[in-house]
Amino acid sequence: VYPQTISRWGWGWPFYTLNFVLNPNACWDWWGYDSAEHHTKKGPQIAAIRAIVDRLATKP
């Protein structure tokens, strides 16, 4: 499992709003850095990856 993304900067959607998008390093969860624990096991990014792996590991 590896979320695919591309570097992006510019106006977001819808164009008539001031919704500027900036993700220069193509981070899959750029906004997740808002959490003070983003770099730990308790962070939202790691919790999301753990949930994905756990789901893939369950029997159908």
PDB file of N, CA and C in Angstrom:
ATOM      1  N   VAL A   1       0.862  -1.175   0.000  1.00  0.00           N
ATOM      2  CA  VAL A   1       0.000   0.000   0.000  1.00  0.00           C
ATOM      3  C   VAL A   1       0.897   1.224   0.000  1.00  0.00           C
ATOM      4  N   TYR A   2       0.764   2.027  -1.022  1.00  0.00           N
ATOM      5  CA  TYR A   2       1.519   3.273  -1.080  1.00  0.00           C
ATOM      6  C   TYR A   2       0.670   4.308  -1.802  1.00  0.00           C
ATOM      7  N   PRO A   3       0.169   5.289  -1.076  1.00  0.00           N
ATOM      8  CA  PRO A   3      -0.655   6.319  -1.731  1.00  0.00           C
ATOM      9  C   PRO A   3       0.151   7.073  -2.789  1.00  0.00           C
ATOM     10  N   GLN A   4      -0.387   7.191  -3.961  1.00  0.00           N
ATOM     11  CA  GLN A   4       0.285   7.890  -5.046  1.00  0.00           C
ATOM     12  C   GLN A   4      -0.133   9.356  -5.060  1.00  0.00           C
ATOM     13  N   THR A   5       0.818  10.223  -5.283  1.00  0.00           N
ATOM     14  CA  THR A   5       0.532  11.649  -5.361  1.00  0.00           C
ATOM     15  C   THR A   5       1.588  12.321  -6.227  1.00  0.00           C
ATOM     16  N   ILE A   6       1.365  13.568  -6.562  1.00  0.00           N
ATOM     17  CA  ILE A   6       2.313  14.343  -7.355  1.00  0.00           C
ATOM     18  C   ILE A   6       2.532  15.689  -6.684  1.00  0.00           C
ATOM     19  N   SER A   7       3.669  16.310  -6.969  1.00  0.00           N
ATOM     20  CA  SER A   7       3.905  17.662  -6.467  1.00  0.00           C
ATOM     21  C   SER A   7       2.859  18.591  -7.049  1.00  0.00           C
ATOM     22  N   ARG A   8       2.395  19.527  -6.237  1.00  0.00           N
ATOM     23  CA  ARG A   8       1.357  20.415  -6.734  1.00  0.00           C
ATOM     24  C   ARG A   8       1.426  21.754  -6.029  1.00  0.00           C
ATOM     25  N   TRP A   9       1.185  22.790  -6.783  1.00  0.00           N
ATOM     26  CA  TRP A   9       0.985  24.111  -6.219  1.00  0.00           C
ATOM     27  C   TRP A   9       0.124  24.887  -7.184  1.00  0.00           C
ATOM     28  N   GLY A  10      -0.671  25.778  -6.672  1.00  0.00           N
ATOM     29  CA  GLY A  10      -1.535  26.591  -7.521  1.00  0.00           C
ATOM     30  C   GLY A  10      -2.934  26.694  -6.959  1.00  0.00           C
ATOM     31  N   TRP A  11      -3.840  27.182  -7.769  1.00  0.00           N
ATOM     32  CA  TRP A  11      -5.212  27.388  -7.329  1.00  0.00           C
ATOM     33  C   TRP A  11      -5.950  26.067  -7.261  1.00  0.00           C
ATOM     34  N   GLY A  12      -6.707  25.903  -6.198  1.00  0.00           N
ATOM     35  CA  GLY A  12      -7.489  24.680  -6.013  1.00  0.00           C
ATOM     36  C   GLY A  12      -8.842  24.782  -6.686  1.00  0.00           C
ATOM     37  N   TRP A  13      -9.696  23.858  -6.369  1.00  0.00           N
ATOM     38  CA  TRP A  13     -11.035  23.806  -6.940  1.00  0.00           C
ATOM     39  C   TRP A  13     -12.042  24.091  -5.863  1.00  0.00           C
ATOM     40  N   PRO A  14     -13.062  24.855  -6.047  1.00  0.00           N
ATOM     41  CA  PRO A  14     -13.425  25.565  -7.280  1.00  0.00           C
ATOM     42  C   PRO A  14     -12.566  26.811  -7.479  1.00  0.00           C
ATOM     43  N   PHE A  15     -12.383  27.185  -8.712  1.00  0.00           N
ATOM     44  CA  PHE A  15     -11.480  28.276  -9.049  1.00  0.00           C
ATOM     45  C   PHE A  15     -11.952  29.640  -8.574  1.00  0.00           C
ATOM     46  N   TYR A  16     -13.229  29.787  -8.298  1.00  0.00           N
ATOM     47  CA  TYR A  16     -13.722  31.103  -7.894  1.00  0.00           C
ATOM     48  C   TYR A  16     -13.491  31.380  -6.412  1.00  0.00           C
ATOM     49  N   THR A  17     -12.875  30.465  -5.693  1.00  0.00           N
ATOM     50  CA  THR A  17     -12.562  30.697  -4.285  1.00  0.00           C
ATOM     51  C   THR A  17     -11.063  30.878  -4.126  1.00  0.00           C
ATOM     52  N   LEU A  18     -10.664  31.418  -2.991  1.00  0.00           N
ATOM     53  CA  LEU A  18      -9.242  31.559  -2.704  1.00  0.00           C
ATOM     54  C   LEU A  18      -8.750  30.284  -2.015  1.00  0.00           C
ATOM     55  N   ASN A  19      -8.786  29.211  -2.729  1.00  0.00           N
ATOM     56  CA  ASN A  19      -8.418  27.900  -2.218  1.00  0.00           C
ATOM     57  C   ASN A  19      -7.077  27.521  -2.833  1.00  0.00           C
ATOM     58  N   PHE A  20      -5.985  28.019  -2.249  1.00  0.00           N
ATOM     59  CA  PHE A  20      -4.658  27.780  -2.812  1.00  0.00           C
ATOM     60  C   PHE A  20      -4.112  26.449  -2.319  1.00  0.00           C
ATOM     61  N   VAL A  21      -3.597  25.646  -3.222  1.00  0.00           N
ATOM     62  CA  VAL A  21      -3.079  24.323  -2.897  1.00  0.00           C
ATOM     63  C   VAL A  21      -1.558  24.355  -2.967  1.00  0.00           C
ATOM     64  N   LEU A  22      -0.910  23.889  -1.916  1.00  0.00           N
ATOM     65  CA  LEU A  22       0.549  23.825  -1.905  1.00  0.00           C
ATOM     66  C   LEU A  22       0.979  22.483  -1.323  1.00  0.00           C
ATOM     67  N   ASN A  23       1.625  21.690  -2.112  1.00  0.00           N
ATOM     68  CA  ASN A  23       2.174  20.410  -1.682  1.00  0.00           C
ATOM     69  C   ASN A  23       3.435  20.155  -2.505  1.00  0.00           C
ATOM     70  N   PRO A  24       4.494  20.926  -2.250  1.00  0.00           N
ATOM     71  CA  PRO A  24       5.670  20.893  -3.114  1.00  0.00           C
ATOM     72  C   PRO A  24       6.444  19.580  -3.097  1.00  0.00           C
ATOM     73  N   ASN A  25       6.340  18.807  -2.029  1.00  0.00           N
ATOM     74  CA  ASN A  25       7.093  17.558  -1.937  1.00  0.00           C
ATOM     75  C   ASN A  25       6.244  16.327  -2.195  1.00  0.00           C
ATOM     76  N   ALA A  26       5.019  16.520  -2.647  1.00  0.00           N
ATOM     77  CA  ALA A  26       4.092  15.432  -2.964  1.00  0.00           C
ATOM     78  C   ALA A  26       3.852  14.504  -1.778  1.00  0.00           C
ATOM     79  N   CYS A  27       3.768  15.076  -0.605  1.00  0.00           N
ATOM     80  CA  CYS A  27       3.493  14.281   0.592  1.00  0.00           C
ATOM     81  C   CYS A  27       2.059  13.763   0.529  1.00  0.00           C
ATOM     82  N   TRP A  28       1.853  12.491   0.809  1.00  0.00           N
ATOM     83  CA  TRP A  28       0.514  11.900   0.705  1.00  0.00           C
ATOM     84  C   TRP A  28      -0.426  12.440   1.760  1.00  0.00           C
ATOM     85  N   ASP A  29       0.106  12.965   2.857  1.00  0.00           N
ATOM     86  CA  ASP A  29      -0.745  13.509   3.904  1.00  0.00           C
ATOM     87  C   ASP A  29      -0.171  14.832   4.389  1.00  0.00           C
ATOM     88  N   TRP A  30      -0.058  15.775   3.489  1.00  0.00           N
ATOM     89  CA  TRP A  30       0.552  17.065   3.786  1.00  0.00           C
ATOM     90  C   TRP A  30      -0.090  17.743   4.983  1.00  0.00           C
ATOM     91  N   TRP A  31      -1.402  17.678   5.116  1.00  0.00           N
ATOM     92  CA  TRP A  31      -2.097  18.389   6.191  1.00  0.00           C
ATOM     93  C   TRP A  31      -2.052  17.638   7.506  1.00  0.00           C
ATOM     94  N   GLY A  32      -1.613  16.407   7.530  1.00  0.00           N
ATOM     95  CA  GLY A  32      -1.514  15.640   8.763  1.00  0.00           C
ATOM     96  C   GLY A  32      -0.452  16.149   9.719  1.00  0.00           C
ATOM     97  N   TYR A  33       0.437  17.015   9.235  1.00  0.00           N
ATOM     98  CA  TYR A  33       1.476  17.558  10.098  1.00  0.00           C
ATOM     99  C   TYR A  33       0.921  18.524  11.132  1.00  0.00           C
ATOM    100  N   ASP A  34      -0.359  18.798  11.091  1.00  0.00           N
ATOM    101  CA  ASP A  34      -0.974  19.671  12.087  1.00  0.00           C
ATOM    102  C   ASP A  34      -0.948  19.047  13.473  1.00  0.00           C
ATOM    103  N   SER A  35      -0.893  17.740  13.547  1.00  0.00           N
ATOM    104  CA  SER A  35      -0.875  17.046  14.834  1.00  0.00           C
ATOM    105  C   SER A  35       0.514  17.148  15.459  1.00  0.00           C
ATOM    106  N   ALA A  36       0.558  17.390  16.757  1.00  0.00           N
ATOM    107  CA  ALA A  36       1.844  17.443  17.457  1.00  0.00           C
ATOM    108  C   ALA A  36       2.512  16.074  17.502  1.00  0.00           C
ATOM    109  N   GLU A  37       1.757  15.020  17.272  1.00  0.00           N
ATOM    110  CA  GLU A  37       2.301  13.663  17.316  1.00  0.00           C
ATOM    111  C   GLU A  37       2.461  13.058  15.921  1.00  0.00           C
ATOM    112  N   HIS A  38       2.577  13.889  14.891  1.00  0.00           N
ATOM    113  CA  HIS A  38       2.646  13.373  13.520  1.00  0.00           C
ATOM    114  C   HIS A  38       3.828  12.439  13.294  1.00  0.00           C
ATOM    115  N   HIS A  39       4.855  12.556  14.105  1.00  0.00           N
ATOM    116  CA  HIS A  39       6.056  11.741  13.924  1.00  0.00           C
ATOM    117  C   HIS A  39       6.116  10.530  14.861  1.00  0.00           C
ATOM    118  N   THR A  40       5.048  10.256  15.588  1.00  0.00           N
ATOM    119  CA  THR A  40       5.033   9.139  16.533  1.00  0.00           C
ATOM    120  C   THR A  40       4.015   8.076  16.116  1.00  0.00           C
ATOM    121  N   LYS A  41       3.991   6.965  16.860  1.00  0.00           N
ATOM    122  CA  LYS A  41       3.012   5.905  16.595  1.00  0.00           C
ATOM    123  C   LYS A  41       1.585   6.374  16.838  1.00  0.00           C
ATOM    124  N   LYS A  42       1.424   7.426  17.626  1.00  0.00           N
ATOM    125  CA  LYS A  42       0.093   7.951  17.928  1.00  0.00           C
ATOM    126  C   LYS A  42      -0.389   8.962  16.886  1.00  0.00           C
ATOM    127  N   GLY A  43       0.460   9.315  15.953  1.00  0.00           N
ATOM    128  CA  GLY A  43       0.111  10.315  14.946  1.00  0.00           C
ATOM    129  C   GLY A  43      -0.945   9.828  13.967  1.00  0.00           C
ATOM    130  N   PRO A  44      -1.681  10.750  13.355  1.00  0.00           N
ATOM    131  CA  PRO A  44      -2.755  10.369  12.436  1.00  0.00           C
ATOM    132  C   PRO A  44      -2.266   9.630  11.188  1.00  0.00           C
ATOM    133  N   GLN A  45      -1.072   9.956  10.698  1.00  0.00           N
ATOM    134  CA  GLN A  45      -0.568   9.267   9.513  1.00  0.00           C
ATOM    135  C   GLN A  45      -0.294   7.797   9.808  1.00  0.00           C
ATOM    136  N   ILE A  46       0.397   7.533  10.911  1.00  0.00           N
ATOM    137  CA  ILE A  46       0.731   6.157  11.268  1.00  0.00           C
ATOM    138  C   ILE A  46      -0.530   5.376  11.611  1.00  0.00           C
ATOM    139  N   ALA A  47      -1.466   6.014  12.297  1.00  0.00           N
ATOM    140  CA  ALA A  47      -2.735   5.351  12.620  1.00  0.00           C
ATOM    141  C   ALA A  47      -3.488   4.974  11.344  1.00  0.00           C
ATOM    142  N   ALA A  48      -3.440   5.840  10.346  1.00  0.00           N
ATOM    143  CA  ALA A  48      -4.117   5.549   9.075  1.00  0.00           C
ATOM    144  C   ALA A  48      -3.463   4.370   8.366  1.00  0.00           C
ATOM    145  N   ILE A  49      -2.149   4.352   8.322  1.00  0.00           N
ATOM    146  CA  ILE A  49      -1.440   3.242   7.689  1.00  0.00           C
ATOM    147  C   ILE A  49      -1.712   1.944   8.438  1.00  0.00           C
ATOM    148  N   ARG A  50      -1.716   2.009   9.763  1.00  0.00           N
ATOM    149  CA  ARG A  50      -1.994   0.806  10.563  1.00  0.00           C
ATOM    150  C   ARG A  50      -3.398   0.278  10.271  1.00  0.00           C
ATOM    151  N   ALA A  51      -4.371   1.172  10.153  1.00  0.00           N
ATOM    152  CA  ALA A  51      -5.742   0.756   9.846  1.00  0.00           C
ATOM    153  C   ALA A  51      -5.821   0.106   8.462  1.00  0.00           C
ATOM    154  N   ILE A  52      -5.083   0.638   7.502  1.00  0.00           N
ATOM    155  CA  ILE A  52      -5.070   0.063   6.154  1.00  0.00           C
ATOM    156  C   ILE A  52      -4.460  -1.339   6.184  1.00  0.00           C
ATOM    157  N   VAL A  53      -3.330  -1.474   6.853  1.00  0.00           N
ATOM    158  CA  VAL A  53      -2.664  -2.778   6.937  1.00  0.00           C
ATOM    159  C   VAL A  53      -3.539  -3.781   7.681  1.00  0.00           C
ATOM    160  N   ASP A  54      -4.142  -3.362   8.792  1.00  0.00           N
ATOM    161  CA  ASP A  54      -5.032  -4.260   9.535  1.00  0.00           C
ATOM    162  C   ASP A  54      -6.204  -4.717   8.673  1.00  0.00           C
ATOM    163  N   ARG A  55      -6.755  -3.807   7.902  1.00  0.00           N
ATOM    164  CA  ARG A  55      -7.889  -4.148   7.031  1.00  0.00           C
ATOM    165  C   ARG A  55      -7.466  -5.138   5.951  1.00  0.00           C
ATOM    166  N   LEU A  56      -6.299  -4.929   5.375  1.00  0.00           N
ATOM    167  CA  LEU A  56      -5.801  -5.843   4.346  1.00  0.00           C
ATOM    168  C   LEU A  56      -5.476  -7.222   4.919  1.00  0.00           C
ATOM    169  N   ALA A  57      -5.140  -7.278   6.198  1.00  0.00           N
ATOM    170  CA  ALA A  57      -4.764  -8.537   6.829  1.00  0.00           C
ATOM    171  C   ALA A  57      -5.964  -9.361   7.298  1.00  0.00           C
ATOM    172  N   THR A  58      -7.163  -8.790   7.297  1.00  0.00           N
ATOM    173  CA  THR A  58      -8.338  -9.532   7.750  1.00  0.00           C
ATOM    174  C   THR A  58      -8.841 -10.464   6.652  1.00  0.00           C
ATOM    175  N   LYS A  59      -9.451 -11.546   7.081  1.00  0.00           N
ATOM    176  CA  LYS A  59     -10.029 -12.483   6.115  1.00  0.00           C
ATOM    177  C   LYS A  59     -11.318 -11.895   5.558  1.00  0.00           C
ATOM    178  N   PRO A  60     -11.586 -12.120   4.271  1.00  0.00           N
ATOM    179  CA  PRO A  60     -12.813 -11.571   3.670  1.00  0.00           C
ATOM    180  C   PRO A  60     -14.077 -12.219   4.211  1.00  0.00           C
TER     181      PRO A  60
END
